[in-house]
């Protein structure tokens, strides 16, 4: 075909039409993805469409849905929160299910989700490769959707005050290398470290990975709950434990330790205010506090109502109303 002016104009028109069609198809696909999956599982992702209230959130399924997992989420399943959800979305009813024979925890909740006992799970740690593999073997996928930022606070007996600890010192303490507080500037007292079981607790798993660099805990005393850890440390002169900052904030019988990433760096406290009773949300949000983690809703991607229930839960918490409840629970919203 000779390339005269008319032919060139014709080809340009064809090109414009084809480009317009391609853009239209791409926009349509993006809209479909946004509707079916409003929140991405990538850390730090944002909601595609933001809503102010629970009542505005679309595609919330009807039914009674069971969920479970990490006890760290307890403030988000308080009667006040559940009442607000049920009043705004009356067709959507949630029932928290505790595991039988083992303590509550992220691992227990994910196992129950894999076994079909839950509609979705709550986890204070990321999914593990073996959990993803188990899901794949059963014909579905698991997705972790971040909903909040939490800080992990280490605390000691208040009569053994020290300036703070860095992550290397924490590693040496919880691996058993450092056995006396005088080694890190404290009193001449033997160290008694309390920990959760890492195979059950998402918090312990994060400490094992981030503080111990994947190595095993040393000679620690295992506790089942944050309350038990606080009571044990308060009653033990050389005690040290850890838990979610949302649990530790405001506790009077223990001393929350300021932390630094490395020797010589500034210590960052998890709490601020006159009596350090307010969560240091700025440090948690910008990552200057050395030990932060994401809290996740674990969704089973199988096209079922359970999947819709899990996605709806994350979308509800991503509203302005949900963000306020996340803040009141002692966490930091990721929005």
Protein backbone atom coordinates (compact mmCIF):
# COMPACT_ATOMS: atom_id res chain seq x y z
CA UNK A 1 0.00 0.00 0.00
CA UNK A 2 1.51 3.36 -0.97
CA UNK A 3 1.97 5.61 2.05
CA UNK A 4 0.28 8.80 0.87
CA UNK A 5 -1.26 11.35 3.24
CA UNK A 6 -4.70 9.70 3.19
CA UNK A 7 -3.27 6.29 4.06
CA UNK A 8 -1.22 7.75 6.88
CA UNK A 9 -4.28 9.51 8.32
CA UNK A 10 -6.24 6.28 8.04
CA UNK A 11 -3.54 4.35 9.90
CA UNK A 12 -3.37 7.05 12.57
CA UNK A 13 -7.12 6.79 13.11
CA UNK A 14 -6.84 3.01 13.41
CA UNK A 15 -4.00 3.44 15.92
CA UNK A 16 -5.96 5.94 18.00
CA UNK A 17 -8.99 3.64 18.07
CA UNK A 18 -6.85 0.65 19.08
CA UNK A 19 -5.10 2.64 21.81
CA UNK A 20 -8.40 3.93 23.17
CA UNK A 21 -9.81 0.40 23.23
CA UNK A 22 -6.74 -0.94 25.05
CA UNK A 23 -6.90 1.82 27.68
CA UNK A 24 -10.61 1.20 28.18
CA UNK A 25 -10.03 -2.53 28.69
CA UNK A 26 -7.18 -1.84 31.16
CA UNK A 27 -9.33 0.56 33.19
CA UNK A 28 -12.16 -1.98 33.24
CA UNK A 29 -9.82 -4.69 34.51
CA UNK A 30 -8.46 -2.39 37.22
CA UNK A 31 -11.99 -1.59 38.36
CA UNK A 32 -12.84 -5.30 38.49
CA UNK A 33 -9.71 -6.03 40.54
CA UNK A 34 -10.52 -3.14 42.89
CA UNK A 35 -14.03 -4.44 43.47
CA UNK A 36 -13.02 -8.06 44.04
CA UNK A 37 -9.95 -7.29 46.16
CA UNK A 38 -10.06 -3.79 47.67
CA UNK A 39 -7.03 -4.38 49.90
CA UNK A 40 -3.74 -5.82 48.68
CA UNK A 41 -1.73 -8.24 50.80
CA UNK A 42 1.45 -6.25 50.29
CA UNK A 43 2.81 -4.60 53.43
CA UNK A 44 1.99 -0.91 53.51
CA UNK A 45 -0.69 -1.16 50.84
CA UNK A 46 -3.71 1.12 50.88
CA UNK A 47 -7.40 0.60 50.34
CA UNK A 48 -8.44 1.38 46.76
CA UNK A 49 -11.70 3.01 47.84
CA UNK A 50 -11.89 4.62 51.28
CA UNK A 51 -15.09 4.68 53.30
CA UNK A 52 -15.86 6.65 56.45
CA UNK A 53 -18.22 4.30 58.27
CA UNK A 54 -18.89 0.59 58.62
CA UNK A 55 -22.30 1.06 57.03
CA UNK A 56 -20.80 2.38 53.77
CA UNK A 57 -18.70 -0.73 53.07
CA UNK A 58 -20.18 -2.78 50.20
CA UNK A 59 -20.10 -6.54 49.52
CA UNK A 60 -20.35 -7.59 53.17
CA UNK A 61 -21.78 -11.14 53.10
CA UNK A 62 -24.68 -12.49 55.11
CA UNK A 63 -24.15 -15.22 57.67
CA UNK A 64 -22.41 -16.24 60.88
CA UNK A 65 -18.65 -16.38 60.39
CA UNK A 66 -16.10 -17.92 62.75
CA UNK A 67 -12.69 -16.37 63.24
CA UNK A 68 -9.78 -16.81 65.65
CA UNK A 69 -6.03 -16.54 66.15
CA UNK A 70 -3.74 -14.14 67.98
CA UNK A 71 -4.93 -12.84 71.38
CA UNK A 72 -3.20 -9.55 70.53
CA UNK A 73 -6.36 -8.67 68.58
CA UNK A 74 -8.55 -8.91 71.71
CA UNK A 75 -9.29 -5.14 71.84
CA UNK A 76 -10.65 -5.34 68.28
CA UNK A 77 -13.19 -7.99 69.28
CA UNK A 78 -14.46 -6.14 72.33
CA UNK A 79 -18.25 -5.89 72.82
CA UNK A 80 -18.11 -2.24 71.74
CA UNK A 81 -16.43 -3.04 68.41
CA UNK A 82 -18.62 -6.06 67.68
CA UNK A 83 -21.77 -4.10 68.54
CA UNK A 84 -20.78 -1.30 66.16
CA UNK A 85 -20.16 -3.83 63.39
CA UNK A 86 -23.43 -5.70 63.91
CA UNK A 87 -25.47 -2.49 64.08
CA UNK A 88 -24.00 -1.24 60.80
CA UNK A 89 -23.97 -4.58 58.98
CA UNK A 90 -26.73 -6.61 60.63
CA UNK A 91 -26.42 -9.49 58.18
CA UNK A 92 -22.75 -10.00 59.12
CA UNK A 93 -22.26 -11.82 62.43
CA UNK A 94 -18.85 -12.76 63.86
CA UNK A 95 -18.08 -15.49 66.40
CA UNK A 96 -14.60 -15.82 67.92
CA UNK A 97 -13.51 -19.46 68.30
CA UNK A 98 -10.74 -20.56 70.67
CA UNK A 99 -8.60 -23.63 69.91
CA UNK A 100 -9.11 -26.82 71.88
CA UNK A 101 -6.19 -28.15 73.90
CA UNK A 102 -3.66 -25.46 72.96
CA UNK A 103 -3.33 -21.75 73.81
CA UNK A 104 -4.64 -19.04 71.51
CA UNK A 105 -2.09 -17.82 69.02
CA UNK A 106 -1.38 -16.93 65.43
CA UNK A 107 -0.20 -20.44 64.60
CA UNK A 108 -3.27 -22.03 66.16
CA UNK A 109 -5.59 -19.70 64.25
CA UNK A 110 -3.89 -20.34 60.91
CA UNK A 111 -4.04 -24.11 61.51
CA UNK A 112 -7.76 -23.86 62.27
CA UNK A 113 -8.24 -21.88 59.06
CA UNK A 114 -6.37 -24.53 57.07
CA UNK A 115 -8.51 -27.24 58.67
CA UNK A 116 -11.73 -25.49 57.72
CA UNK A 117 -12.69 -24.53 61.28
CA UNK A 118 -12.56 -20.76 60.68
CA UNK A 119 -13.73 -18.35 58.02
CA UNK A 120 -10.60 -16.22 58.48
CA UNK A 121 -7.75 -15.88 60.99
CA UNK A 122 -5.93 -13.10 62.83
CA UNK A 123 -2.13 -13.22 62.92
CA UNK A 124 0.56 -11.12 64.57
CA UNK A 125 3.21 -12.56 62.25
CA UNK A 126 3.54 -13.17 58.50
CA UNK A 127 2.55 -16.49 56.96
CA UNK A 128 5.19 -19.20 56.86
CA UNK A 129 6.19 -21.14 53.77
CA UNK A 130 4.89 -24.44 55.16
CA UNK A 131 1.48 -22.84 55.80
CA UNK A 132 1.34 -21.56 52.23
CA UNK A 133 2.34 -25.01 51.00
CA UNK A 134 -0.37 -26.70 53.06
CA UNK A 135 -2.97 -24.37 51.61
CA UNK A 136 -1.79 -25.04 48.06
CA UNK A 137 -1.93 -28.80 48.67
CA UNK A 138 -5.55 -28.40 49.75
CA UNK A 139 -6.51 -26.50 46.64
CA UNK A 140 -6.60 -22.89 47.79
CA UNK A 141 -4.31 -19.97 48.62
CA UNK A 142 -3.80 -17.96 51.79
CA UNK A 143 -3.40 -14.20 51.69
CA UNK A 144 -2.13 -11.97 54.50
CA UNK A 145 -3.73 -8.53 54.54
CA UNK A 146 -2.07 -5.98 56.86
CA UNK A 147 -4.46 -3.91 58.96
CA UNK A 148 -2.30 -2.28 61.65
CA UNK A 149 1.18 -1.68 63.04
CA UNK A 150 2.09 -2.97 66.50
CA UNK A 151 5.18 -2.54 68.65
CA UNK A 152 6.82 -5.28 70.69
CA UNK A 153 7.77 -4.02 74.14
CA UNK A 154 10.37 -5.62 76.40
CA UNK A 155 9.90 -4.97 80.10
CA UNK A 156 11.76 -5.64 83.35
CA UNK A 157 11.14 -5.55 87.07
CA UNK A 158 10.84 -1.86 88.08
CA UNK A 159 13.43 -2.24 90.86
CA UNK A 160 16.13 -3.06 88.30
CA UNK A 161 16.14 0.13 86.29
CA UNK A 162 18.56 0.46 83.40
CA UNK A 163 18.74 3.09 80.68
CA UNK A 164 17.75 0.70 77.91
CA UNK A 165 18.94 -2.19 75.76
CA UNK A 166 19.96 -2.60 72.15
CA UNK A 167 18.90 -5.53 69.97
CA UNK A 168 22.29 -7.22 70.29
CA UNK A 169 22.00 -7.21 74.09
CA UNK A 170 18.47 -8.61 73.86
CA UNK A 171 19.76 -11.36 71.61
CA UNK A 172 22.48 -12.26 74.12
CA UNK A 173 19.98 -12.24 77.00
CA UNK A 174 17.35 -14.42 75.34
CA UNK A 175 19.92 -16.80 73.87
CA UNK A 176 21.45 -17.28 77.33
CA UNK A 177 24.82 -15.68 76.58
CA UNK A 178 24.31 -12.84 79.08
CA UNK A 179 23.22 -14.21 82.45
CA UNK A 180 23.57 -11.26 84.84
CA UNK A 181 22.14 -7.75 84.66
CA UNK A 182 25.43 -6.12 85.69
CA UNK A 183 26.78 -7.05 82.23
CA UNK A 184 24.41 -4.51 80.67
CA UNK A 185 24.62 -1.84 83.37
CA UNK A 186 22.02 -3.16 85.76
CA UNK A 187 22.10 -4.56 89.27
CA UNK A 188 24.10 -7.64 90.24
CA UNK A 189 21.18 -9.99 89.64
CA UNK A 190 20.78 -13.20 87.68
CA UNK A 191 18.58 -12.75 84.62
CA UNK A 192 15.33 -14.69 84.40
CA UNK A 193 13.89 -14.42 80.90
CA UNK A 194 10.25 -15.20 80.17
CA UNK A 195 9.00 -16.03 76.70
CA UNK A 196 6.03 -17.40 74.83
CA UNK A 197 6.37 -20.61 72.82
CA UNK A 198 7.43 -19.57 69.28
CA UNK A 199 5.56 -22.45 67.63
CA UNK A 200 2.30 -21.09 69.05
CA UNK A 201 2.83 -17.36 69.53
CA UNK A 202 3.20 -14.94 66.65
CA UNK A 203 4.89 -12.46 68.99
CA UNK A 204 7.51 -15.02 70.03
CA UNK A 205 8.04 -15.95 66.38
CA UNK A 206 8.76 -12.30 65.52
CA UNK A 207 11.19 -12.03 68.44
CA UNK A 208 12.93 -15.22 67.36
CA UNK A 209 13.34 -13.96 63.80
CA UNK A 210 14.10 -10.29 64.48
CA UNK A 211 16.02 -10.44 67.77
CA UNK A 212 17.56 -13.92 67.77
CA UNK A 213 18.14 -13.95 63.99
CA UNK A 214 16.27 -17.24 63.68
CA UNK A 215 18.18 -19.03 66.42
CA UNK A 216 16.51 -20.91 69.26
CA UNK A 217 15.67 -19.29 72.58
CA UNK A 218 18.05 -20.11 75.41
CA UNK A 219 17.10 -21.03 78.95
CA UNK A 220 13.79 -19.15 79.12
CA UNK A 221 10.71 -19.83 81.18
CA UNK A 222 7.65 -20.33 78.97
CA UNK A 223 4.49 -18.37 79.73
CA UNK A 224 1.11 -18.76 78.03
CA UNK A 225 -0.28 -15.24 78.17
CA UNK A 226 0.86 -11.63 78.36
CA UNK A 227 -0.80 -11.32 81.75
CA UNK A 228 1.26 -14.23 83.04
CA UNK A 229 4.44 -12.67 81.65
CA UNK A 230 3.71 -9.36 83.37
CA UNK A 231 2.92 -11.03 86.69
CA UNK A 232 6.07 -13.19 86.54
CA UNK A 233 8.37 -10.26 85.76
CA UNK A 234 6.76 -8.10 88.46
CA UNK A 235 7.42 -10.87 91.00
CA UNK A 236 10.98 -11.65 89.84
CA UNK A 237 13.73 -9.08 90.68
CA UNK A 238 15.84 -10.13 87.67
CA UNK A 239 12.94 -10.81 85.34
CA UNK A 240 12.50 -9.71 81.73
CA UNK A 241 9.65 -10.41 79.34
CA UNK A 242 7.96 -8.99 76.27
CA UNK A 243 4.56 -8.52 74.68
CA UNK A 244 2.56 -6.23 72.43
CA UNK A 245 2.87 -2.56 73.31
CA UNK A 246 -0.93 -2.45 73.33
CA UNK A 247 -0.90 -4.82 76.31
CA UNK A 248 2.01 -3.28 78.21
CA UNK A 249 0.95 0.37 77.98
CA UNK A 250 -0.20 1.73 81.34
CA UNK A 251 1.08 -1.24 83.38
CA UNK A 252 2.43 0.01 86.73
CA UNK A 253 4.12 -3.16 88.05
CA UNK A 254 6.77 -3.40 85.32
CA UNK A 255 9.20 -1.06 83.55
CA UNK A 256 9.02 -0.85 79.72
CA UNK A 257 12.52 -0.69 78.27
CA UNK A 258 13.63 1.92 75.74
CA UNK A 259 15.35 0.13 72.84
CA UNK A 260 17.98 0.95 70.25
CA UNK A 261 18.90 -0.90 67.09
CA UNK A 262 22.65 -0.93 67.74
CA UNK A 263 25.17 0.08 70.44
CA UNK A 264 25.65 3.84 70.65
CA UNK A 265 22.38 4.68 68.94
CA UNK A 266 19.57 6.62 70.56
CA UNK A 267 17.14 4.70 72.75
CA UNK A 268 13.52 4.97 71.63
CA UNK A 269 10.79 4.47 74.19
CA UNK A 270 7.59 2.66 73.22
CA UNK A 271 5.53 5.08 75.30
CA UNK A 272 5.44 8.84 75.82
CA UNK A 273 3.66 11.29 78.10
CA UNK A 274 4.21 12.38 81.69
CA UNK A 275 4.04 8.82 83.03
CA UNK A 276 4.79 7.09 79.72
CA UNK A 277 1.21 5.90 79.47
CA UNK A 278 0.62 6.94 75.85
CA UNK A 279 1.69 4.82 72.89
CA UNK A 280 4.57 6.36 70.92
CA UNK A 281 2.62 6.18 67.67
CA UNK A 282 5.01 8.42 65.74
CA UNK A 283 7.97 6.12 66.42
CA UNK A 284 5.91 3.04 65.58
CA UNK A 285 4.55 4.56 62.38
CA UNK A 286 7.88 5.85 61.02
CA UNK A 287 9.84 2.75 62.05
CA UNK A 288 12.28 4.51 64.38
CA UNK A 289 11.18 2.21 67.21
CA UNK A 290 13.35 -0.91 66.68
CA UNK A 291 10.67 -3.60 66.97
CA UNK A 292 7.48 -3.06 65.02
CA UNK A 293 5.43 -5.57 63.10
CA UNK A 294 2.34 -5.74 60.94
CA UNK A 295 -0.85 -7.34 62.16
CA UNK A 296 -2.65 -9.39 59.53
CA UNK A 297 -6.01 -10.80 58.63
CA UNK A 298 -5.42 -14.17 56.95
CA UNK A 299 -7.92 -14.84 54.17
CA UNK A 300 -8.57 -18.13 52.40
CA UNK A 301 -8.71 -17.41 48.67
CA UNK A 302 -11.15 -20.03 47.41
CA UNK A 303 -14.09 -18.02 46.10
CA UNK A 304 -16.28 -18.91 49.07
CA UNK A 305 -18.41 -16.86 51.45
CA UNK A 306 -15.59 -17.30 53.97
CA UNK A 307 -13.26 -15.45 51.62
CA UNK A 308 -15.82 -12.66 51.28
CA UNK A 309 -16.16 -12.53 55.08
CA UNK A 310 -12.40 -12.11 55.57
CA UNK A 311 -12.07 -9.43 52.90
CA UNK A 312 -15.11 -7.63 54.34
CA UNK A 313 -13.52 -7.63 57.80
CA UNK A 314 -10.37 -5.96 56.48
CA UNK A 315 -12.42 -3.43 54.52
CA UNK A 316 -14.48 -2.58 57.60
CA UNK A 317 -11.36 -1.96 59.68
CA UNK A 318 -9.94 0.18 56.88
CA UNK A 319 -12.74 2.74 57.20
CA UNK A 320 -12.37 5.95 59.19
CA UNK A 321 -14.54 4.34 61.86
CA UNK A 322 -12.35 1.24 61.90
CA UNK A 323 -9.18 3.33 62.00
CA UNK A 324 -10.37 5.02 65.19
CA UNK A 325 -10.99 1.64 66.79
CA UNK A 326 -7.54 0.43 65.74
CA UNK A 327 -6.00 3.51 67.40
CA UNK A 328 -8.10 3.02 70.54
CA UNK A 329 -6.95 -0.61 70.69
CA UNK A 330 -3.32 0.50 71.05
CA UNK A 331 -2.19 -0.06 67.46
CA UNK A 332 -1.32 2.26 64.59
CA UNK A 333 -3.43 2.27 61.46
CA UNK A 334 -1.53 1.62 58.22
CA UNK A 335 -3.64 4.16 56.31
